[in-house]
């Protein structure tokens, strides 16, 4: 598989994982935390959780899809117009 395609696939997988986690956390925050502790406190509780998921998801995607260590491949994980296939 081409390294640009592999990096793009890892980026898509990362997006799906973090979006799903954010959707789940946001639903739980809105339904359960906000009525108990308020808006600001609920977001403060959720933020470290979603950051942790993002960290683990990024490492998983890079390792699982064997993205090259080259800077161009790693930068290709993000929204970058130069990697469009």
PDB file of N, CA and C in Angstrom:
ATOM      1  N   UNK A   1       0.845  -1.180   0.000  1.00  0.00           N
ATOM      2  CA  UNK A   1       0.000   0.000   0.000  1.00  0.00           C
ATOM      3  C   UNK A   1       0.887   1.239   0.000  1.00  0.00           C
ATOM      4  N   UNK A   2       0.525   2.220  -0.780  1.00  0.00           N
ATOM      5  CA  UNK A   2       1.267   3.477  -0.855  1.00  0.00           C
ATOM      6  C   UNK A   2       1.262   4.157   0.510  1.00  0.00           C
ATOM      7  N   UNK A   3       2.388   4.798   0.860  1.00  0.00           N
ATOM      8  CA  UNK A   3       2.489   5.416   2.183  1.00  0.00           C
ATOM      9  C   UNK A   3       1.494   6.560   2.349  1.00  0.00           C
ATOM     10  N   UNK A   4       1.197   7.289   1.265  1.00  0.00           N
ATOM     11  CA  UNK A   4       0.213   8.368   1.373  1.00  0.00           C
ATOM     12  C   UNK A   4      -1.183   7.809   1.614  1.00  0.00           C
ATOM     13  N   UNK A   5      -1.493   6.723   0.956  1.00  0.00           N
ATOM     14  CA  UNK A   5      -2.798   6.088   1.130  1.00  0.00           C
ATOM     15  C   UNK A   5      -2.919   5.491   2.534  1.00  0.00           C
ATOM     16  N   UNK A   6      -1.833   4.909   3.013  1.00  0.00           N
ATOM     17  CA  UNK A   6      -1.832   4.341   4.366  1.00  0.00           C
ATOM     18  C   UNK A   6      -2.041   5.437   5.407  1.00  0.00           C
ATOM     19  N   UNK A   7      -1.366   6.566   5.231  1.00  0.00           N
ATOM     20  CA  UNK A   7      -1.527   7.686   6.161  1.00  0.00           C
ATOM     21  C   UNK A   7      -2.940   8.245   6.097  1.00  0.00           C
ATOM     22  N   UNK A   8      -3.501   8.346   4.902  1.00  0.00           N
ATOM     23  CA  UNK A   8      -4.874   8.838   4.771  1.00  0.00           C
ATOM     24  C   UNK A   8      -5.861   7.873   5.434  1.00  0.00           C
ATOM     25  N   UNK A   9      -5.635   6.587   5.267  1.00  0.00           N
ATOM     26  CA  UNK A   9      -6.492   5.594   5.913  1.00  0.00           C
ATOM     27  C   UNK A   9      -6.405   5.686   7.426  1.00  0.00           C
ATOM     28  N   UNK A  10      -5.199   5.903   7.942  1.00  0.00           N
ATOM     29  CA  UNK A  10      -5.027   6.061   9.383  1.00  0.00           C
ATOM     30  C   UNK A  10      -5.746   7.315   9.873  1.00  0.00           C
ATOM     31  N   UNK A  11      -5.700   8.372   9.076  1.00  0.00           N
ATOM     32  CA  UNK A  11      -6.402   9.603   9.440  1.00  0.00           C
ATOM     33  C   UNK A  11      -7.903   9.406   9.492  1.00  0.00           C
ATOM     34  N   UNK A  12      -8.431   8.667   8.540  1.00  0.00           N
ATOM     35  CA  UNK A  12      -9.868   8.395   8.516  1.00  0.00           C
ATOM     36  C   UNK A  12     -10.259   7.522   9.717  1.00  0.00           C
ATOM     37  N   UNK A  13      -9.468   6.498   9.987  1.00  0.00           N
ATOM     38  CA  UNK A  13      -9.750   5.638  11.136  1.00  0.00           C
ATOM     39  C   UNK A  13      -9.695   6.425  12.441  1.00  0.00           C
ATOM     40  N   UNK A  14      -8.700   7.308  12.567  1.00  0.00           N
ATOM     41  CA  UNK A  14      -8.574   8.156  13.750  1.00  0.00           C
ATOM     42  C   UNK A  14      -9.825   9.025  13.909  1.00  0.00           C
ATOM     43  N   UNK A  15     -10.269   9.638  12.818  1.00  0.00           N
ATOM     44  CA  UNK A  15     -11.458  10.483  12.857  1.00  0.00           C
ATOM     45  C   UNK A  15     -12.670   9.692  13.341  1.00  0.00           C
ATOM     46  N   UNK A  16     -12.861   8.505  12.799  1.00  0.00           N
ATOM     47  CA  UNK A  16     -14.030   7.695  13.151  1.00  0.00           C
ATOM     48  C   UNK A  16     -14.001   7.335  14.638  1.00  0.00           C
ATOM     49  N   UNK A  17     -12.838   6.928  15.135  1.00  0.00           N
ATOM     50  CA  UNK A  17     -12.726   6.541  16.547  1.00  0.00           C
ATOM     51  C   UNK A  17     -13.016   7.723  17.467  1.00  0.00           C
ATOM     52  N   UNK A  18     -12.375   8.856  17.201  1.00  0.00           N
ATOM     53  CA  UNK A  18     -12.529  10.018  18.081  1.00  0.00           C
ATOM     54  C   UNK A  18     -13.931  10.621  17.951  1.00  0.00           C
ATOM     55  N   UNK A  19     -14.488  10.625  16.745  1.00  0.00           N
ATOM     56  CA  UNK A  19     -15.849  11.140  16.573  1.00  0.00           C
ATOM     57  C   UNK A  19     -16.845  10.291  17.349  1.00  0.00           C
ATOM     58  N   UNK A  20     -16.707   8.979  17.265  1.00  0.00           N
ATOM     59  CA  UNK A  20     -17.617   8.085  17.988  1.00  0.00           C
ATOM     60  C   UNK A  20     -17.485   8.269  19.501  1.00  0.00           C
ATOM     61  N   UNK A  21     -16.247   8.384  19.968  1.00  0.00           N
ATOM     62  CA  UNK A  21     -16.040   8.594  21.403  1.00  0.00           C
ATOM     63  C   UNK A  21     -16.603   9.945  21.836  1.00  0.00           C
ATOM     64  N   UNK A  22     -16.388  10.975  21.042  1.00  0.00           N
ATOM     65  CA  UNK A  22     -16.929  12.295  21.366  1.00  0.00           C
ATOM     66  C   UNK A  22     -18.446  12.305  21.384  1.00  0.00           C
ATOM     67  N   UNK A  23     -19.044  11.585  20.445  1.00  0.00           N
ATOM     68  CA  UNK A  23     -20.504  11.485  20.422  1.00  0.00           C
ATOM     69  C   UNK A  23     -21.009  10.789  21.682  1.00  0.00           C
ATOM     70  N   UNK A  24     -20.367   9.694  22.049  1.00  0.00           N
ATOM     71  CA  UNK A  24     -20.786   8.952  23.247  1.00  0.00           C
ATOM     72  C   UNK A  24     -20.577   9.784  24.516  1.00  0.00           C
ATOM     73  N   UNK A  25     -19.386  10.392  24.642  1.00  0.00           N
ATOM     74  CA  UNK A  25     -19.111  11.216  25.826  1.00  0.00           C
ATOM     75  C   UNK A  25     -20.048  12.417  25.893  1.00  0.00           C
ATOM     76  N   UNK A  26     -20.303  13.037  24.748  1.00  0.00           N
ATOM     77  CA  UNK A  26     -21.190  14.195  24.725  1.00  0.00           C
ATOM     78  C   UNK A  26     -22.607  13.848  25.132  1.00  0.00           C
ATOM     79  N   UNK A  27     -23.072  12.697  24.694  1.00  0.00           N
ATOM     80  CA  UNK A  27     -24.409  12.248  25.075  1.00  0.00           C
ATOM     81  C   UNK A  27     -24.485  11.987  26.576  1.00  0.00           C
ATOM     82  N   UNK A  28     -23.482  11.286  27.094  1.00  0.00           N
ATOM     83  CA  UNK A  28     -23.470  11.008  28.543  1.00  0.00           C
ATOM     84  C   UNK A  28     -23.339  12.301  29.349  1.00  0.00           C
ATOM     85  N   UNK A  29     -22.502  13.215  28.852  1.00  0.00           N
ATOM     86  CA  UNK A  29     -22.326  14.490  29.552  1.00  0.00           C
ATOM     87  C   UNK A  29     -23.639  15.247  29.620  1.00  0.00           C
ATOM     88  N   UNK A  30     -24.322  15.337  28.489  1.00  0.00           N
ATOM     89  CA  UNK A  30     -25.564  16.101  28.432  1.00  0.00           C
ATOM     90  C   UNK A  30     -26.673  15.469  29.270  1.00  0.00           C
ATOM     91  N   UNK A  31     -26.779  14.165  29.206  1.00  0.00           N
ATOM     92  CA  UNK A  31     -27.870  13.498  29.909  1.00  0.00           C
ATOM     93  C   UNK A  31     -27.629  13.321  31.405  1.00  0.00           C
ATOM     94  N   UNK A  32     -26.394  13.057  31.792  1.00  0.00           N
ATOM     95  CA  UNK A  32     -26.136  12.693  33.183  1.00  0.00           C
ATOM     96  C   UNK A  32     -25.337  13.721  33.971  1.00  0.00           C
ATOM     97  N   UNK A  33     -24.304  14.296  33.379  1.00  0.00           N
ATOM     98  CA  UNK A  33     -23.439  15.198  34.153  1.00  0.00           C
ATOM     99  C   UNK A  33     -23.987  16.613  34.277  1.00  0.00           C
ATOM    100  N   UNK A  34     -24.481  17.170  33.168  1.00  0.00           N
ATOM    101  CA  UNK A  34     -24.939  18.569  33.208  1.00  0.00           C
ATOM    102  C   UNK A  34     -26.012  18.795  34.268  1.00  0.00           C
ATOM    103  N   UNK A  35     -27.017  17.939  34.386  1.00  0.00           N
ATOM    104  CA  UNK A  35     -28.016  18.183  35.444  1.00  0.00           C
ATOM    105  C   UNK A  35     -27.435  18.093  36.855  1.00  0.00           C
ATOM    106  N   UNK A  36     -26.381  17.330  37.028  1.00  0.00           N
ATOM    107  CA  UNK A  36     -25.810  17.141  38.365  1.00  0.00           C
ATOM    108  C   UNK A  36     -24.818  18.228  38.761  1.00  0.00           C
ATOM    109  N   UNK A  37     -23.919  18.603  37.804  1.00  0.00           N
ATOM    110  CA  UNK A  37     -22.811  19.492  38.168  1.00  0.00           C
ATOM    111  C   UNK A  37     -22.774  20.798  37.381  1.00  0.00           C
ATOM    112  N   UNK A  38     -23.574  20.941  36.340  1.00  0.00           N
ATOM    113  CA  UNK A  38     -23.578  22.162  35.546  1.00  0.00           C
ATOM    114  C   UNK A  38     -22.738  22.020  34.287  1.00  0.00           C
ATOM    115  N   UNK A  39     -22.870  23.002  33.393  1.00  0.00           N
ATOM    116  CA  UNK A  39     -22.217  22.941  32.085  1.00  0.00           C
ATOM    117  C   UNK A  39     -20.688  22.947  32.158  1.00  0.00           C
ATOM    118  N   UNK A  40     -20.144  23.920  32.861  1.00  0.00           N
ATOM    119  CA  UNK A  40     -18.685  24.084  32.876  1.00  0.00           C
ATOM    120  C   UNK A  40     -18.006  22.900  33.545  1.00  0.00           C
ATOM    121  N   UNK A  41     -18.524  22.456  34.650  1.00  0.00           N
ATOM    122  CA  UNK A  41     -17.930  21.315  35.349  1.00  0.00           C
ATOM    123  C   UNK A  41     -18.044  20.045  34.518  1.00  0.00           C
ATOM    124  N   UNK A  42     -19.160  19.873  33.816  1.00  0.00           N
ATOM    125  CA  UNK A  42     -19.341  18.676  32.987  1.00  0.00           C
ATOM    126  C   UNK A  42     -18.325  18.645  31.844  1.00  0.00           C
ATOM    127  N   UNK A  43     -18.109  19.771  31.201  1.00  0.00           N
ATOM    128  CA  UNK A  43     -17.114  19.839  30.135  1.00  0.00           C
ATOM    129  C   UNK A  43     -15.713  19.633  30.706  1.00  0.00           C
ATOM    130  N   UNK A  44     -15.458  20.148  31.888  1.00  0.00           N
ATOM    131  CA  UNK A  44     -14.155  19.962  32.534  1.00  0.00           C
ATOM    132  C   UNK A  44     -13.892  18.496  32.873  1.00  0.00           C
ATOM    133  N   UNK A  45     -14.931  17.769  33.170  1.00  0.00           N
ATOM    134  CA  UNK A  45     -14.794  16.330  33.431  1.00  0.00           C
ATOM    135  C   UNK A  45     -14.589  15.569  32.132  1.00  0.00           C
ATOM    136  N   UNK A  46     -15.285  15.974  31.083  1.00  0.00           N
ATOM    137  CA  UNK A  46     -15.217  15.272  29.801  1.00  0.00           C
ATOM    138  C   UNK A  46     -13.902  15.509  29.060  1.00  0.00           C
ATOM    139  N   UNK A  47     -13.338  16.698  29.159  1.00  0.00           N
ATOM    140  CA  UNK A  47     -12.164  17.067  28.366  1.00  0.00           C
ATOM    141  C   UNK A  47     -10.978  16.111  28.533  1.00  0.00           C
ATOM    142  N   UNK A  48     -10.571  15.756  29.743  1.00  0.00           N
ATOM    143  CA  UNK A  48      -9.447  14.817  29.855  1.00  0.00           C
ATOM    144  C   UNK A  48      -9.750  13.443  29.268  1.00  0.00           C
ATOM    145  N   UNK A  49     -11.013  13.043  29.336  1.00  0.00           N
ATOM    146  CA  UNK A  49     -11.384  11.741  28.780  1.00  0.00           C
ATOM    147  C   UNK A  49     -11.238  11.724  27.261  1.00  0.00           C
ATOM    148  N   UNK A  50     -11.726  12.753  26.599  1.00  0.00           N
ATOM    149  CA  UNK A  50     -11.644  12.784  25.146  1.00  0.00           C
ATOM    150  C   UNK A  50     -10.191  12.997  24.698  1.00  0.00           C
ATOM    151  N   UNK A  51      -9.408  13.733  25.459  1.00  0.00           N
ATOM    152  CA  UNK A  51      -7.986  13.872  25.138  1.00  0.00           C
ATOM    153  C   UNK A  51      -7.266  12.535  25.264  1.00  0.00           C
ATOM    154  N   UNK A  52      -7.616  11.772  26.280  1.00  0.00           N
ATOM    155  CA  UNK A  52      -7.030  10.440  26.438  1.00  0.00           C
ATOM    156  C   UNK A  52      -7.403   9.509  25.300  1.00  0.00           C
ATOM    157  N   UNK A  53      -8.660   9.548  24.900  1.00  0.00           N
ATOM    158  CA  UNK A  53      -9.092   8.734  23.763  1.00  0.00           C
ATOM    159  C   UNK A  53      -8.350   9.153  22.504  1.00  0.00           C
ATOM    160  N   UNK A  54      -8.183  10.457  22.303  1.00  0.00           N
ATOM    161  CA  UNK A  54      -7.469  10.956  21.129  1.00  0.00           C
ATOM    162  C   UNK A  54      -6.030  10.459  21.111  1.00  0.00           C
ATOM    163  N   UNK A  55      -5.380  10.489  22.252  1.00  0.00           N
ATOM    164  CA  UNK A  55      -3.988  10.047  22.364  1.00  0.00           C
ATOM    165  C   UNK A  55      -3.873   8.554  22.022  1.00  0.00           C
ATOM    166  N   UNK A  56      -4.714   7.746  22.630  1.00  0.00           N
ATOM    167  CA  UNK A  56      -4.674   6.301  22.402  1.00  0.00           C
ATOM    168  C   UNK A  56      -5.051   5.967  20.959  1.00  0.00           C
ATOM    169  N   UNK A  57      -6.047   6.655  20.423  1.00  0.00           N
ATOM    170  CA  UNK A  57      -6.480   6.404  19.046  1.00  0.00           C
ATOM    171  C   UNK A  57      -5.383   6.757  18.050  1.00  0.00           C
ATOM    172  N   UNK A  58      -4.679   7.847  18.286  1.00  0.00           N
ATOM    173  CA  UNK A  58      -3.588   8.242  17.383  1.00  0.00           C
ATOM    174  C   UNK A  58      -2.491   7.192  17.379  1.00  0.00           C
ATOM    175  N   UNK A  59      -2.099   6.741  18.547  1.00  0.00           N
ATOM    176  CA  UNK A  59      -1.056   5.709  18.618  1.00  0.00           C
ATOM    177  C   UNK A  59      -1.524   4.413  17.975  1.00  0.00           C
ATOM    178  N   UNK A  60      -2.776   4.028  18.219  1.00  0.00           N
ATOM    179  CA  UNK A  60      -3.313   2.807  17.641  1.00  0.00           C
ATOM    180  C   UNK A  60      -3.323   2.880  16.118  1.00  0.00           C
ATOM    181  N   UNK A  61      -3.802   3.976  15.574  1.00  0.00           N
ATOM    182  CA  UNK A  61      -3.909   4.113  14.113  1.00  0.00           C
ATOM    183  C   UNK A  61      -2.545   4.083  13.443  1.00  0.00           C
ATOM    184  N   UNK A  62      -1.581   4.764  14.020  1.00  0.00           N
ATOM    185  CA  UNK A  62      -0.238   4.786  13.435  1.00  0.00           C
ATOM    186  C   UNK A  62       0.387   3.401  13.487  1.00  0.00           C
ATOM    187  N   UNK A  63       0.238   2.719  14.599  1.00  0.00           N
ATOM    188  CA  UNK A  63       0.834   1.384  14.733  1.00  0.00           C
ATOM    189  C   UNK A  63       0.070   0.324  13.942  1.00  0.00           C
ATOM    190  N   UNK A  64      -1.244   0.365  14.008  1.00  0.00           N
ATOM    191  CA  UNK A  64      -2.067  -0.658  13.358  1.00  0.00           C
ATOM    192  C   UNK A  64      -1.919  -0.610  11.835  1.00  0.00           C
ATOM    193  N   UNK A  65      -1.836   0.570  11.275  1.00  0.00           N
ATOM    194  CA  UNK A  65      -1.717   0.702   9.823  1.00  0.00           C
ATOM    195  C   UNK A  65      -0.272   0.910   9.369  1.00  0.00           C
ATOM    196  N   UNK A  66       0.678   0.781  10.282  1.00  0.00           N
ATOM    197  CA  UNK A  66       2.114   0.866   9.978  1.00  0.00           C
ATOM    198  C   UNK A  66       2.455   2.100   9.144  1.00  0.00           C
ATOM    199  N   UNK A  67       2.069   3.263   9.652  1.00  0.00           N
ATOM    200  CA  UNK A  67       2.383   4.519   8.967  1.00  0.00           C
ATOM    201  C   UNK A  67       3.870   4.777   9.104  1.00  0.00           C
ATOM    202  N   UNK A  68       4.490   5.187   8.022  1.00  0.00           N
ATOM    203  CA  UNK A  68       5.925   5.446   7.986  1.00  0.00           C
ATOM    204  C   UNK A  68       6.301   6.537   8.991  1.00  0.00           C
ATOM    205  N   UNK A  69       7.542   6.501   9.441  1.00  0.00           N
ATOM    206  CA  UNK A  69       8.017   7.520  10.374  1.00  0.00           C
ATOM    207  C   UNK A  69       8.424   8.805   9.671  1.00  0.00           C
ATOM    208  N   UNK A  70       8.364   8.835   8.349  1.00  0.00           N
ATOM    209  CA  UNK A  70       8.706  10.044   7.605  1.00  0.00           C
ATOM    210  C   UNK A  70       7.722  11.158   7.951  1.00  0.00           C
ATOM    211  N   UNK A  71       8.244  12.360   8.032  1.00  0.00           N
ATOM    212  CA  UNK A  71       7.411  13.498   8.407  1.00  0.00           C
ATOM    213  C   UNK A  71       6.256  13.695   7.433  1.00  0.00           C
ATOM    214  N   UNK A  72       6.489  13.458   6.153  1.00  0.00           N
ATOM    215  CA  UNK A  72       5.426  13.656   5.171  1.00  0.00           C
ATOM    216  C   UNK A  72       4.266  12.687   5.409  1.00  0.00           C
ATOM    217  N   UNK A  73       4.569  11.464   5.789  1.00  0.00           N
ATOM    218  CA  UNK A  73       3.505  10.494   6.074  1.00  0.00           C
ATOM    219  C   UNK A  73       2.756  10.859   7.340  1.00  0.00           C
ATOM    220  N   UNK A  74       3.482  11.256   8.373  1.00  0.00           N
ATOM    221  CA  UNK A  74       2.825  11.602   9.634  1.00  0.00           C
ATOM    222  C   UNK A  74       1.989  12.862   9.496  1.00  0.00           C
ATOM    223  N   UNK A  75       2.467  13.831   8.721  1.00  0.00           N
ATOM    224  CA  UNK A  75       1.682  15.037   8.488  1.00  0.00           C
ATOM    225  C   UNK A  75       0.440  14.729   7.659  1.00  0.00           C
ATOM    226  N   UNK A  76       0.500  13.681   6.867  1.00  0.00           N
ATOM    227  CA  UNK A  76      -0.626  13.286   6.045  1.00  0.00           C
ATOM    228  C   UNK A  76      -1.810  12.770   6.839  1.00  0.00           C
ATOM    229  N   UNK A  77      -1.621  12.482   8.114  1.00  0.00           N
ATOM    230  CA  UNK A  77      -2.727  12.031   8.951  1.00  0.00           C
ATOM    231  C   UNK A  77      -3.739  13.140   9.183  1.00  0.00           C
ATOM    232  N   UNK A  78      -3.274  14.364   9.150  1.00  0.00           N
ATOM    233  CA  UNK A  78      -4.156  15.499   9.396  1.00  0.00           C
ATOM    234  C   UNK A  78      -4.792  16.001   8.119  1.00  0.00           C
ATOM    235  N   UNK A  79      -5.649  17.008   8.247  1.00  0.00           N
ATOM    236  CA  UNK A  79      -6.306  17.568   7.067  1.00  0.00           C
ATOM    237  C   UNK A  79      -5.322  18.385   6.246  1.00  0.00           C
ATOM    238  N   UNK A  80      -4.752  17.768   5.249  1.00  0.00           N
ATOM    239  CA  UNK A  80      -3.728  18.408   4.440  1.00  0.00           C
ATOM    240  C   UNK A  80      -4.082  18.152   2.974  1.00  0.00           C
ATOM    241  N   UNK A  81      -4.247  19.201   2.205  1.00  0.00           N
ATOM    242  CA  UNK A  81      -4.687  19.056   0.827  1.00  0.00           C
ATOM    243  C   UNK A  81      -3.615  18.454  -0.068  1.00  0.00           C
ATOM    244  N   UNK A  82      -2.369  18.438   0.363  1.00  0.00           N
ATOM    245  CA  UNK A  82      -1.305  17.933  -0.486  1.00  0.00           C
ATOM    246  C   UNK A  82      -1.297  16.405  -0.587  1.00  0.00           C
ATOM    247  N   UNK A  83      -2.060  15.701   0.240  1.00  0.00           N
ATOM    248  CA  UNK A  83      -2.035  14.239   0.183  1.00  0.00           C
ATOM    249  C   UNK A  83      -3.210  13.650  -0.565  1.00  0.00           C
ATOM    250  N   UNK A  84      -4.008  14.485  -1.183  1.00  0.00           N
ATOM    251  CA  UNK A  84      -5.174  13.973  -1.901  1.00  0.00           C
ATOM    252  C   UNK A  84      -4.707  13.034  -2.994  1.00  0.00           C
ATOM    253  N   UNK A  85      -5.274  11.839  -3.007  1.00  0.00           N
ATOM    254  CA  UNK A  85      -4.846  10.821  -3.960  1.00  0.00           C
ATOM    255  C   UNK A  85      -5.580  10.983  -5.260  1.00  0.00           C
TER     256      UNK A  85
END
